């Protein structure tokens, strides 16, 4: 599995756009969404993370749903000299900005 960081602007968006449109463009660029299992396991491997950095994983919609029936996607972070796993909303209409990053994957390079 090869993981890549991409910015929303690198997908061709120069203004805020929805997660649904971002995911369509990710697929057009021949990237794959990351399974929640791989995203969470990455926390065990990625130890070079910079303080204050938060990495949002592009996971399939509705692959992680909380007890309130709200879908989420995982984020890895480092702050206060500790490593974190956090989640962020992942419904189709969620809005992201050109500077936002997502972690995506490719099986073959």
PDB file of N, CA and C in Angstrom:
ATOM      1  N   UNK A   1       0.860  -1.180   0.000  1.00  0.00           N
ATOM      2  CA  UNK A   1       0.000   0.000   0.000  1.00  0.00           C
ATOM      3  C   UNK A   1       0.894   1.227   0.000  1.00  0.00           C
ATOM      4  N   UNK A   2       0.617   2.134  -0.895  1.00  0.00           N
ATOM      5  CA  UNK A   2       1.360   3.384  -0.983  1.00  0.00           C
ATOM      6  C   UNK A   2       0.413   4.533  -0.676  1.00  0.00           C
ATOM      7  N   UNK A   3       0.733   5.303   0.372  1.00  0.00           N
ATOM      8  CA  UNK A   3      -0.093   6.427   0.780  1.00  0.00           C
ATOM      9  C   UNK A   3       0.501   7.727   0.268  1.00  0.00           C
ATOM     10  N   UNK A   4      -0.382   8.655  -0.114  1.00  0.00           N
ATOM     11  CA  UNK A   4       0.018   9.941  -0.660  1.00  0.00           C
ATOM     12  C   UNK A   4      -0.802  11.045  -0.021  1.00  0.00           C
ATOM     13  N   UNK A   5      -0.161  12.193   0.183  1.00  0.00           N
ATOM     14  CA  UNK A   5      -0.861  13.381   0.668  1.00  0.00           C
ATOM     15  C   UNK A   5      -1.178  14.243  -0.536  1.00  0.00           C
ATOM     16  N   UNK A   6      -2.438  14.634  -0.666  1.00  0.00           N
ATOM     17  CA  UNK A   6      -2.821  15.531  -1.744  1.00  0.00           C
ATOM     18  C   UNK A   6      -3.671  16.666  -1.179  1.00  0.00           C
ATOM     19  N   UNK A   7      -3.497  17.842  -1.733  1.00  0.00           N
ATOM     20  CA  UNK A   7      -4.310  18.979  -1.330  1.00  0.00           C
ATOM     21  C   UNK A   7      -5.513  19.076  -2.257  1.00  0.00           C
ATOM     22  N   UNK A   8      -6.586  19.627  -1.741  1.00  0.00           N
ATOM     23  CA  UNK A   8      -7.795  19.807  -2.537  1.00  0.00           C
ATOM     24  C   UNK A   8      -7.472  20.634  -3.777  1.00  0.00           C
ATOM     25  N   UNK A   9      -6.591  21.637  -3.655  1.00  0.00           N
ATOM     26  CA  UNK A   9      -6.234  22.455  -4.820  1.00  0.00           C
ATOM     27  C   UNK A   9      -5.473  21.642  -5.868  1.00  0.00           C
ATOM     28  N   UNK A  10      -4.741  20.611  -5.451  1.00  0.00           N
ATOM     29  CA  UNK A  10      -4.022  19.755  -6.396  1.00  0.00           C
ATOM     30  C   UNK A  10      -4.985  18.912  -7.236  1.00  0.00           C
ATOM     31  N   UNK A  11      -6.219  18.808  -6.767  1.00  0.00           N
ATOM     32  CA  UNK A  11      -7.247  18.080  -7.517  1.00  0.00           C
ATOM     33  C   UNK A  11      -7.975  18.996  -8.498  1.00  0.00           C
ATOM     34  N   UNK A  12      -7.599  20.285  -8.497  1.00  0.00           N
ATOM     35  CA  UNK A  12      -8.180  21.233  -9.445  1.00  0.00           C
ATOM     36  C   UNK A  12      -9.234  22.160  -8.866  1.00  0.00           C
ATOM     37  N   UNK A  13      -9.404  22.148  -7.547  1.00  0.00           N
ATOM     38  CA  UNK A  13     -10.400  23.011  -6.914  1.00  0.00           C
ATOM     39  C   UNK A  13      -9.715  24.260  -6.366  1.00  0.00           C
ATOM     40  N   UNK A  14     -10.201  25.435  -6.756  1.00  0.00           N
ATOM     41  CA  UNK A  14      -9.606  26.670  -6.245  1.00  0.00           C
ATOM     42  C   UNK A  14     -10.560  27.442  -5.341  1.00  0.00           C
ATOM     43  N   UNK A  15     -11.660  26.790  -4.963  1.00  0.00           N
ATOM     44  CA  UNK A  15     -12.590  27.372  -3.993  1.00  0.00           C
ATOM     45  C   UNK A  15     -13.156  26.220  -3.158  1.00  0.00           C
ATOM     46  N   UNK A  16     -13.812  26.518  -2.040  1.00  0.00           N
ATOM     47  CA  UNK A  16     -14.368  25.444  -1.210  1.00  0.00           C
ATOM     48  C   UNK A  16     -15.271  24.525  -2.034  1.00  0.00           C
ATOM     49  N   UNK A  17     -15.195  23.235  -1.738  1.00  0.00           N
ATOM     50  CA  UNK A  17     -15.996  22.256  -2.471  1.00  0.00           C
ATOM     51  C   UNK A  17     -16.402  21.114  -1.548  1.00  0.00           C
ATOM     52  N   UNK A  18     -17.316  20.301  -2.010  1.00  0.00           N
ATOM     53  CA  UNK A  18     -17.858  19.236  -1.163  1.00  0.00           C
ATOM     54  C   UNK A  18     -17.014  17.969  -1.223  1.00  0.00           C
ATOM     55  N   UNK A  19     -17.148  17.186  -0.179  1.00  0.00           N
ATOM     56  CA  UNK A  19     -16.424  15.925  -0.096  1.00  0.00           C
ATOM     57  C   UNK A  19     -16.808  15.001  -1.259  1.00  0.00           C
ATOM     58  N   UNK A  20     -18.060  15.008  -1.638  1.00  0.00           N
ATOM     59  CA  UNK A  20     -18.512  14.175  -2.745  1.00  0.00           C
ATOM     60  C   UNK A  20     -17.759  14.503  -4.036  1.00  0.00           C
ATOM     61  N   UNK A  21     -17.586  15.788  -4.339  1.00  0.00           N
ATOM     62  CA  UNK A  21     -16.846  16.206  -5.540  1.00  0.00           C
ATOM     63  C   UNK A  21     -15.361  15.872  -5.410  1.00  0.00           C
ATOM     64  N   UNK A  22     -14.815  16.040  -4.214  1.00  0.00           N
ATOM     65  CA  UNK A  22     -13.408  15.713  -3.977  1.00  0.00           C
ATOM     66  C   UNK A  22     -13.164  14.228  -4.213  1.00  0.00           C
ATOM     67  N   UNK A  23     -14.044  13.387  -3.696  1.00  0.00           N
ATOM     68  CA  UNK A  23     -13.887  11.940  -3.859  1.00  0.00           C
ATOM     69  C   UNK A  23     -13.990  11.521  -5.324  1.00  0.00           C
ATOM     70  N   UNK A  24     -14.880  12.150  -6.071  1.00  0.00           N
ATOM     71  CA  UNK A  24     -14.988  11.844  -7.508  1.00  0.00           C
ATOM     72  C   UNK A  24     -13.685  12.182  -8.220  1.00  0.00           C
ATOM     73  N   UNK A  25     -13.094  13.317  -7.863  1.00  0.00           N
ATOM     74  CA  UNK A  25     -11.845  13.747  -8.498  1.00  0.00           C
ATOM     75  C   UNK A  25     -10.680  12.849  -8.072  1.00  0.00           C
ATOM     76  N   UNK A  26     -10.683  12.401  -6.831  1.00  0.00           N
ATOM     77  CA  UNK A  26      -9.643  11.472  -6.357  1.00  0.00           C
ATOM     78  C   UNK A  26      -9.646  10.229  -7.230  1.00  0.00           C
ATOM     79  N   UNK A  27     -10.814   9.701  -7.496  1.00  0.00           N
ATOM     80  CA  UNK A  27     -10.928   8.497  -8.324  1.00  0.00           C
ATOM     81  C   UNK A  27     -10.515   8.765  -9.771  1.00  0.00           C
ATOM     82  N   UNK A  28     -10.870   9.945 -10.301  1.00  0.00           N
ATOM     83  CA  UNK A  28     -10.468  10.295 -11.672  1.00  0.00           C
ATOM     84  C   UNK A  28      -8.959  10.407 -11.809  1.00  0.00           C
ATOM     85  N   UNK A  29      -8.294  10.773 -10.727  1.00  0.00           N
ATOM     86  CA  UNK A  29      -6.834  10.906 -10.727  1.00  0.00           C
ATOM     87  C   UNK A  29      -6.144   9.565 -10.444  1.00  0.00           C
ATOM     88  N   UNK A  30      -6.931   8.490 -10.451  1.00  0.00           N
ATOM     89  CA  UNK A  30      -6.432   7.121 -10.245  1.00  0.00           C
ATOM     90  C   UNK A  30      -5.869   6.856  -8.853  1.00  0.00           C
ATOM     91  N   UNK A  31      -6.372   7.581  -7.873  1.00  0.00           N
ATOM     92  CA  UNK A  31      -6.073   7.274  -6.485  1.00  0.00           C
ATOM     93  C   UNK A  31      -7.235   6.454  -5.937  1.00  0.00           C
ATOM     94  N   UNK A  32      -7.023   5.821  -4.806  1.00  0.00           N
ATOM     95  CA  UNK A  32      -8.061   5.054  -4.131  1.00  0.00           C
ATOM     96  C   UNK A  32      -8.328   5.657  -2.766  1.00  0.00           C
ATOM     97  N   UNK A  33      -9.534   5.449  -2.272  1.00  0.00           N
ATOM     98  CA  UNK A  33      -9.842   5.822  -0.900  1.00  0.00           C
ATOM     99  C   UNK A  33      -9.161   4.813   0.015  1.00  0.00           C
ATOM    100  N   UNK A  34      -8.880   5.224   1.231  1.00  0.00           N
ATOM    101  CA  UNK A  34      -8.150   4.397   2.195  1.00  0.00           C
ATOM    102  C   UNK A  34      -9.152   3.701   3.116  1.00  0.00           C
ATOM    103  N   UNK A  35      -8.991   2.421   3.304  1.00  0.00           N
ATOM    104  CA  UNK A  35      -9.881   1.717   4.231  1.00  0.00           C
ATOM    105  C   UNK A  35      -9.613   2.236   5.647  1.00  0.00           C
ATOM    106  N   UNK A  36     -10.642   2.293   6.484  1.00  0.00           N
ATOM    107  CA  UNK A  36     -10.420   2.755   7.866  1.00  0.00           C
ATOM    108  C   UNK A  36      -9.359   1.931   8.594  1.00  0.00           C
ATOM    109  N   UNK A  37      -9.299   0.648   8.308  1.00  0.00           N
ATOM    110  CA  UNK A  37      -8.313  -0.212   8.952  1.00  0.00           C
ATOM    111  C   UNK A  37      -6.888   0.256   8.656  1.00  0.00           C
ATOM    112  N   UNK A  38      -6.609   0.540   7.399  1.00  0.00           N
ATOM    113  CA  UNK A  38      -5.269   1.019   7.025  1.00  0.00           C
ATOM    114  C   UNK A  38      -5.002   2.385   7.651  1.00  0.00           C
ATOM    115  N   UNK A  39      -5.998   3.265   7.631  1.00  0.00           N
ATOM    116  CA  UNK A  39      -5.817   4.597   8.212  1.00  0.00           C
ATOM    117  C   UNK A  39      -5.464   4.505   9.692  1.00  0.00           C
ATOM    118  N   UNK A  40      -6.176   3.684  10.427  1.00  0.00           N
ATOM    119  CA  UNK A  40      -5.919   3.567  11.860  1.00  0.00           C
ATOM    120  C   UNK A  40      -4.577   2.888  12.141  1.00  0.00           C
ATOM    121  N   UNK A  41      -4.225   1.891  11.351  1.00  0.00           N
ATOM    122  CA  UNK A  41      -2.933   1.211  11.537  1.00  0.00           C
ATOM    123  C   UNK A  41      -1.753   2.135  11.220  1.00  0.00           C
ATOM    124  N   UNK A  42      -1.993   3.125  10.375  1.00  0.00           N
ATOM    125  CA  UNK A  42      -0.930   4.074  10.030  1.00  0.00           C
ATOM    126  C   UNK A  42      -0.430   4.815  11.269  1.00  0.00           C
ATOM    127  N   UNK A  43      -1.314   5.015  12.240  1.00  0.00           N
ATOM    128  CA  UNK A  43      -0.902   5.685  13.481  1.00  0.00           C
ATOM    129  C   UNK A  43       0.238   4.932  14.159  1.00  0.00           C
ATOM    130  N   UNK A  44       0.258   3.616  14.043  1.00  0.00           N
ATOM    131  CA  UNK A  44       1.312   2.813  14.669  1.00  0.00           C
ATOM    132  C   UNK A  44       2.646   2.945  13.949  1.00  0.00           C
ATOM    133  N   UNK A  45       2.610   3.346  12.692  1.00  0.00           N
ATOM    134  CA  UNK A  45       3.813   3.406  11.854  1.00  0.00           C
ATOM    135  C   UNK A  45       4.360   4.823  11.715  1.00  0.00           C
ATOM    136  N   UNK A  46       3.475   5.798  11.559  1.00  0.00           N
ATOM    137  CA  UNK A  46       3.887   7.166  11.249  1.00  0.00           C
ATOM    138  C   UNK A  46       4.308   7.899  12.517  1.00  0.00           C
ATOM    139  N   UNK A  47       5.607   7.871  12.782  1.00  0.00           N
ATOM    140  CA  UNK A  47       6.141   8.497  13.987  1.00  0.00           C
ATOM    141  C   UNK A  47       6.946   9.768  13.696  1.00  0.00           C
ATOM    142  N   UNK A  48       7.086  10.114  12.420  1.00  0.00           N
ATOM    143  CA  UNK A  48       7.837  11.321  12.052  1.00  0.00           C
ATOM    144  C   UNK A  48       6.927  12.537  11.960  1.00  0.00           C
ATOM    145  N   UNK A  49       5.706  12.405  12.433  1.00  0.00           N
ATOM    146  CA  UNK A  49       4.726  13.473  12.290  1.00  0.00           C
ATOM    147  C   UNK A  49       5.174  14.735  13.016  1.00  0.00           C
ATOM    148  N   UNK A  50       4.989  15.862  12.348  1.00  0.00           N
ATOM    149  CA  UNK A  50       5.364  17.150  12.927  1.00  0.00           C
ATOM    150  C   UNK A  50       4.330  17.586  13.956  1.00  0.00           C
ATOM    151  N   UNK A  51       4.800  18.283  14.960  1.00  0.00           N
ATOM    152  CA  UNK A  51       3.927  18.825  15.993  1.00  0.00           C
ATOM    153  C   UNK A  51       2.912  19.771  15.350  1.00  0.00           C
ATOM    154  N   UNK A  52       1.662  19.600  15.698  1.00  0.00           N
ATOM    155  CA  UNK A  52       0.606  20.466  15.169  1.00  0.00           C
ATOM    156  C   UNK A  52       0.022  20.011  13.838  1.00  0.00           C
ATOM    157  N   UNK A  53       0.563  18.935  13.285  1.00  0.00           N
ATOM    158  CA  UNK A  53       0.076  18.438  11.997  1.00  0.00           C
ATOM    159  C   UNK A  53      -1.098  17.480  12.218  1.00  0.00           C
ATOM    160  N   UNK A  54      -2.109  17.590  11.368  1.00  0.00           N
ATOM    161  CA  UNK A  54      -3.262  16.691  11.393  1.00  0.00           C
ATOM    162  C   UNK A  54      -3.493  16.189   9.981  1.00  0.00           C
ATOM    163  N   UNK A  55      -3.478  14.877   9.804  1.00  0.00           N
ATOM    164  CA  UNK A  55      -3.660  14.264   8.487  1.00  0.00           C
ATOM    165  C   UNK A  55      -5.030  13.613   8.401  1.00  0.00           C
ATOM    166  N   UNK A  56      -5.806  14.063   7.448  1.00  0.00           N
ATOM    167  CA  UNK A  56      -7.167  13.562   7.233  1.00  0.00           C
ATOM    168  C   UNK A  56      -7.122  12.483   6.161  1.00  0.00           C
ATOM    169  N   UNK A  57      -7.686  11.322   6.448  1.00  0.00           N
ATOM    170  CA  UNK A  57      -7.694  10.217   5.491  1.00  0.00           C
ATOM    171  C   UNK A  57      -8.990  10.213   4.690  1.00  0.00           C
ATOM    172  N   UNK A  58      -8.861  10.036   3.388  1.00  0.00           N
ATOM    173  CA  UNK A  58     -10.027   9.914   2.509  1.00  0.00           C
ATOM    174  C   UNK A  58     -10.512   8.474   2.585  1.00  0.00           C
ATOM    175  N   UNK A  59     -11.442   8.220   3.483  1.00  0.00           N
ATOM    176  CA  UNK A  59     -12.009   6.881   3.649  1.00  0.00           C
ATOM    177  C   UNK A  59     -13.388   6.843   2.994  1.00  0.00           C
ATOM    178  N   UNK A  60     -13.849   5.665   2.588  1.00  0.00           N
ATOM    179  CA  UNK A  60     -15.165   5.576   1.943  1.00  0.00           C
ATOM    180  C   UNK A  60     -16.274   6.159   2.827  1.00  0.00           C
ATOM    181  N   UNK A  61     -17.218   6.827   2.182  1.00  0.00           N
ATOM    182  CA  UNK A  61     -18.356   7.378   2.905  1.00  0.00           C
ATOM    183  C   UNK A  61     -19.084   6.250   3.639  1.00  0.00           C
ATOM    184  N   UNK A  62     -19.534   6.547   4.820  1.00  0.00           N
ATOM    185  CA  UNK A  62     -20.279   5.609   5.671  1.00  0.00           C
ATOM    186  C   UNK A  62     -19.470   4.391   6.107  1.00  0.00           C
ATOM    187  N   UNK A  63     -18.149   4.450   6.028  1.00  0.00           N
ATOM    188  CA  UNK A  63     -17.338   3.316   6.489  1.00  0.00           C
ATOM    189  C   UNK A  63     -17.026   3.408   7.983  1.00  0.00           C
ATOM    190  N   UNK A  64     -17.191   4.591   8.567  1.00  0.00           N
ATOM    191  CA  UNK A  64     -17.012   4.786  10.006  1.00  0.00           C
ATOM    192  C   UNK A  64     -18.181   5.639  10.500  1.00  0.00           C
ATOM    193  N   UNK A  65     -19.137   5.010  11.176  1.00  0.00           N
ATOM    194  CA  UNK A  65     -20.326   5.720  11.645  1.00  0.00           C
ATOM    195  C   UNK A  65     -20.364   5.650  13.165  1.00  0.00           C
ATOM    196  N   UNK A  66     -20.550   6.810  13.812  1.00  0.00           N
ATOM    197  CA  UNK A  66     -20.555   6.833  15.272  1.00  0.00           C
ATOM    198  C   UNK A  66     -21.926   6.444  15.831  1.00  0.00           C
ATOM    199  N   UNK A  67     -22.065   6.466  17.132  1.00  0.00           N
ATOM    200  CA  UNK A  67     -23.295   6.027  17.790  1.00  0.00           C
ATOM    201  C   UNK A  67     -24.487   6.941  17.498  1.00  0.00           C
ATOM    202  N   UNK A  68     -24.239   8.155  17.018  1.00  0.00           N
ATOM    203  CA  UNK A  68     -25.316   9.067  16.632  1.00  0.00           C
ATOM    204  C   UNK A  68     -25.673   8.935  15.158  1.00  0.00           C
ATOM    205  N   UNK A  69     -25.115   7.915  14.502  1.00  0.00           N
ATOM    206  CA  UNK A  69     -25.347   7.645  13.089  1.00  0.00           C
ATOM    207  C   UNK A  69     -24.751   8.716  12.170  1.00  0.00           C
ATOM    208  N   UNK A  70     -23.682   9.361  12.630  1.00  0.00           N
ATOM    209  CA  UNK A  70     -22.992  10.373  11.836  1.00  0.00           C
ATOM    210  C   UNK A  70     -21.710   9.754  11.272  1.00  0.00           C
ATOM    211  N   UNK A  71     -21.515   9.793   9.940  1.00  0.00           N
ATOM    212  CA  UNK A  71     -20.294   9.230   9.360  1.00  0.00           C
ATOM    213  C   UNK A  71     -19.078  10.129   9.619  1.00  0.00           C
ATOM    214  N   UNK A  72     -17.930   9.495   9.811  1.00  0.00           N
ATOM    215  CA  UNK A  72     -16.688  10.210  10.077  1.00  0.00           C
ATOM    216  C   UNK A  72     -15.551   9.634   9.249  1.00  0.00           C
ATOM    217  N   UNK A  73     -14.474  10.405   9.144  1.00  0.00           N
ATOM    218  CA  UNK A  73     -13.230   9.905   8.577  1.00  0.00           C
ATOM    219  C   UNK A  73     -12.125  10.168   9.594  1.00  0.00           C
ATOM    220  N   UNK A  74     -11.097   9.321   9.617  1.00  0.00           N
ATOM    221  CA  UNK A  74     -10.048   9.457  10.631  1.00  0.00           C
ATOM    222  C   UNK A  74      -9.021  10.523  10.292  1.00  0.00           C
ATOM    223  N   UNK A  75      -8.490  11.120  11.357  1.00  0.00           N
ATOM    224  CA  UNK A  75      -7.390  12.076  11.259  1.00  0.00           C
ATOM    225  C   UNK A  75      -6.317  11.650  12.244  1.00  0.00           C
ATOM    226  N   UNK A  76      -5.071  11.732  11.825  1.00  0.00           N
ATOM    227  CA  UNK A  76      -3.946  11.474  12.722  1.00  0.00           C
ATOM    228  C   UNK A  76      -3.312  12.804  13.081  1.00  0.00           C
ATOM    229  N   UNK A  77      -2.980  12.970  14.347  1.00  0.00           N
ATOM    230  CA  UNK A  77      -2.390  14.227  14.761  1.00  0.00           C
ATOM    231  C   UNK A  77      -1.281  14.050  15.768  1.00  0.00           C
ATOM    232  N   UNK A  78      -0.522  15.133  15.911  1.00  0.00           N
ATOM    233  CA  UNK A  78       0.501  15.181  16.952  1.00  0.00           C
ATOM    234  C   UNK A  78       0.409  16.545  17.615  1.00  0.00           C
ATOM    235  N   UNK A  79       0.254  16.519  18.930  1.00  0.00           N
ATOM    236  CA  UNK A  79       0.185  17.749  19.720  1.00  0.00           C
ATOM    237  C   UNK A  79       0.519  17.386  21.166  1.00  0.00           C
ATOM    238  N   UNK A  80       1.025  18.352  21.907  1.00  0.00           N
ATOM    239  CA  UNK A  80       1.356  18.136  23.316  1.00  0.00           C
ATOM    240  C   UNK A  80       2.281  16.941  23.513  1.00  0.00           C
ATOM    241  N   UNK A  81       3.172  16.731  22.523  1.00  0.00           N
ATOM    242  CA  UNK A  81       4.121  15.617  22.535  1.00  0.00           C
ATOM    243  C   UNK A  81       3.443  14.245  22.602  1.00  0.00           C
ATOM    244  N   UNK A  82       2.222  14.169  22.087  1.00  0.00           N
ATOM    245  CA  UNK A  82       1.487  12.909  22.042  1.00  0.00           C
ATOM    246  C   UNK A  82       0.928  12.711  20.639  1.00  0.00           C
ATOM    247  N   UNK A  83       0.654  11.462  20.291  1.00  0.00           N
ATOM    248  CA  UNK A  83       0.065  11.110  19.010  1.00  0.00           C
ATOM    249  C   UNK A  83      -1.422  10.835  19.212  1.00  0.00           C
ATOM    250  N   UNK A  84      -2.239  11.293  18.254  1.00  0.00           N
ATOM    251  CA  UNK A  84      -3.681  11.177  18.380  1.00  0.00           C
ATOM    252  C   UNK A  84      -4.321  10.549  17.150  1.00  0.00           C
ATOM    253  N   UNK A  85      -5.499   9.974  17.366  1.00  0.00           N
ATOM    254  CA  UNK A  85      -6.419   9.608  16.291  1.00  0.00           C
ATOM    255  C   UNK A  85      -7.710  10.344  16.628  1.00  0.00           C
ATOM    256  N   UNK A  86      -8.198  11.083  15.663  1.00  0.00           N
ATOM    257  CA  UNK A  86      -9.404  11.876  15.823  1.00  0.00           C
ATOM    258  C   UNK A  86     -10.275  11.608  14.605  1.00  0.00           C
ATOM    259  N   UNK A  87     -11.522  12.031  14.635  1.00  0.00           N
ATOM    260  CA  UNK A  87     -12.361  11.862  13.446  1.00  0.00           C
ATOM    261  C   UNK A  87     -12.939  13.205  13.017  1.00  0.00           C
ATOM    262  N   UNK A  88     -13.401  13.227  11.774  1.00  0.00           N
ATOM    263  CA  UNK A  88     -13.995  14.428  11.190  1.00  0.00           C
ATOM    264  C   UNK A  88     -15.187  13.982  10.354  1.00  0.00           C
ATOM    265  N   UNK A  89     -16.204  14.819  10.244  1.00  0.00           N
ATOM    266  CA  UNK A  89     -17.406  14.458   9.487  1.00  0.00           C
ATOM    267  C   UNK A  89     -17.077  14.041   8.059  1.00  0.00           C
ATOM    268  N   UNK A  90     -17.819  13.040   7.562  1.00  0.00           N
ATOM    269  CA  UNK A  90     -17.576  12.597   6.182  1.00  0.00           C
ATOM    270  C   UNK A  90     -18.873  12.391   5.404  1.00  0.00           C
ATOM    271  N   UNK A  91     -19.785  13.317   5.528  1.00  0.00           N
ATOM    272  CA  UNK A  91     -20.998  13.238   4.723  1.00  0.00           C
ATOM    273  C   UNK A  91     -20.732  13.912   3.367  1.00  0.00           C
ATOM    274  N   UNK A  92     -21.474  13.540   2.317  1.00  0.00           N
ATOM    275  CA  UNK A  92     -21.179  14.042   0.963  1.00  0.00           C
ATOM    276  C   UNK A  92     -21.119  15.569   0.838  1.00  0.00           C
ATOM    277  N   UNK A  93     -21.920  16.280   1.609  1.00  0.00           N
ATOM    278  CA  UNK A  93     -21.958  17.739   1.503  1.00  0.00           C
ATOM    279  C   UNK A  93     -20.969  18.478   2.383  1.00  0.00           C
ATOM    280  N   UNK A  94     -20.123  17.766   3.130  1.00  0.00           N
ATOM    281  CA  UNK A  94     -19.116  18.428   3.968  1.00  0.00           C
ATOM    282  C   UNK A  94     -18.197  19.258   3.070  1.00  0.00           C
ATOM    283  N   UNK A  95     -17.904  20.478   3.485  1.00  0.00           N
ATOM    284  CA  UNK A  95     -17.130  21.410   2.661  1.00  0.00           C
ATOM    285  C   UNK A  95     -15.677  21.457   3.128  1.00  0.00           C
ATOM    286  N   UNK A  96     -14.773  21.406   2.145  1.00  0.00           N
ATOM    287  CA  UNK A  96     -13.342  21.509   2.400  1.00  0.00           C
ATOM    288  C   UNK A  96     -12.754  22.590   1.508  1.00  0.00           C
ATOM    289  N   UNK A  97     -11.644  23.156   1.934  1.00  0.00           N
ATOM    290  CA  UNK A  97     -11.014  24.284   1.254  1.00  0.00           C
ATOM    291  C   UNK A  97      -9.789  23.829   0.461  1.00  0.00           C
ATOM    292  N   UNK A  98      -9.359  24.642  -0.508  1.00  0.00           N
ATOM    293  CA  UNK A  98      -8.227  24.253  -1.360  1.00  0.00           C
ATOM    294  C   UNK A  98      -6.956  23.866  -0.603  1.00  0.00           C
ATOM    295  N   UNK A  99      -6.719  24.449   0.567  1.00  0.00           N
ATOM    296  CA  UNK A  99      -5.500  24.127   1.333  1.00  0.00           C
ATOM    297  C   UNK A  99      -5.631  22.839   2.142  1.00  0.00           C
ATOM    298  N   UNK A 100      -6.840  22.306   2.289  1.00  0.00           N
ATOM    299  CA  UNK A 100      -7.029  21.059   3.052  1.00  0.00           C
ATOM    300  C   UNK A 100      -6.354  19.898   2.348  1.00  0.00           C
ATOM    301  N   UNK A 101      -5.807  18.981   3.155  1.00  0.00           N
ATOM    302  CA  UNK A 101      -5.119  17.801   2.634  1.00  0.00           C
ATOM    303  C   UNK A 101      -5.887  16.537   2.975  1.00  0.00           C
ATOM    304  N   UNK A 102      -5.711  15.544   2.119  1.00  0.00           N
ATOM    305  CA  UNK A 102      -6.243  14.212   2.363  1.00  0.00           C
ATOM    306  C   UNK A 102      -5.137  13.202   2.088  1.00  0.00           C
ATOM    307  N   UNK A 103      -5.171  12.108   2.813  1.00  0.00           N
ATOM    308  CA  UNK A 103      -4.282  10.985   2.522  1.00  0.00           C
ATOM    309  C   UNK A 103      -5.089  10.002   1.688  1.00  0.00           C
ATOM    310  N   UNK A 104      -4.523   9.627   0.546  1.00  0.00           N
ATOM    311  CA  UNK A 104      -5.140   8.677  -0.376  1.00  0.00           C
ATOM    312  C   UNK A 104      -4.143   7.558  -0.627  1.00  0.00           C
ATOM    313  N   UNK A 105      -4.542   6.555  -1.409  1.00  0.00           N
ATOM    314  CA  UNK A 105      -3.603   5.466  -1.659  1.00  0.00           C
ATOM    315  C   UNK A 105      -3.654   4.992  -3.104  1.00  0.00           C
ATOM    316  N   UNK A 106      -2.622   4.257  -3.458  1.00  0.00           N
ATOM    317  CA  UNK A 106      -2.541   3.556  -4.720  1.00  0.00           C
ATOM    318  C   UNK A 106      -1.961   2.185  -4.429  1.00  0.00           C
ATOM    319  N   UNK A 107      -2.500   1.193  -5.096  1.00  0.00           N
ATOM    320  CA  UNK A 107      -1.956  -0.156  -4.927  1.00  0.00           C
ATOM    321  C   UNK A 107      -0.740  -0.354  -5.824  1.00  0.00           C
ATOM    322  N   UNK A 108      -0.796   0.192  -7.016  1.00  0.00           N
ATOM    323  CA  UNK A 108       0.299   0.057  -7.980  1.00  0.00           C
ATOM    324  C   UNK A 108       0.793   1.423  -8.380  1.00  0.00           C
ATOM    325  N   UNK A 109       2.088   1.550  -8.493  1.00  0.00           N
ATOM    326  CA  UNK A 109       2.665   2.821  -8.945  1.00  0.00           C
ATOM    327  C   UNK A 109       3.159   2.638 -10.359  1.00  0.00           C
TER     328      UNK A 109
END
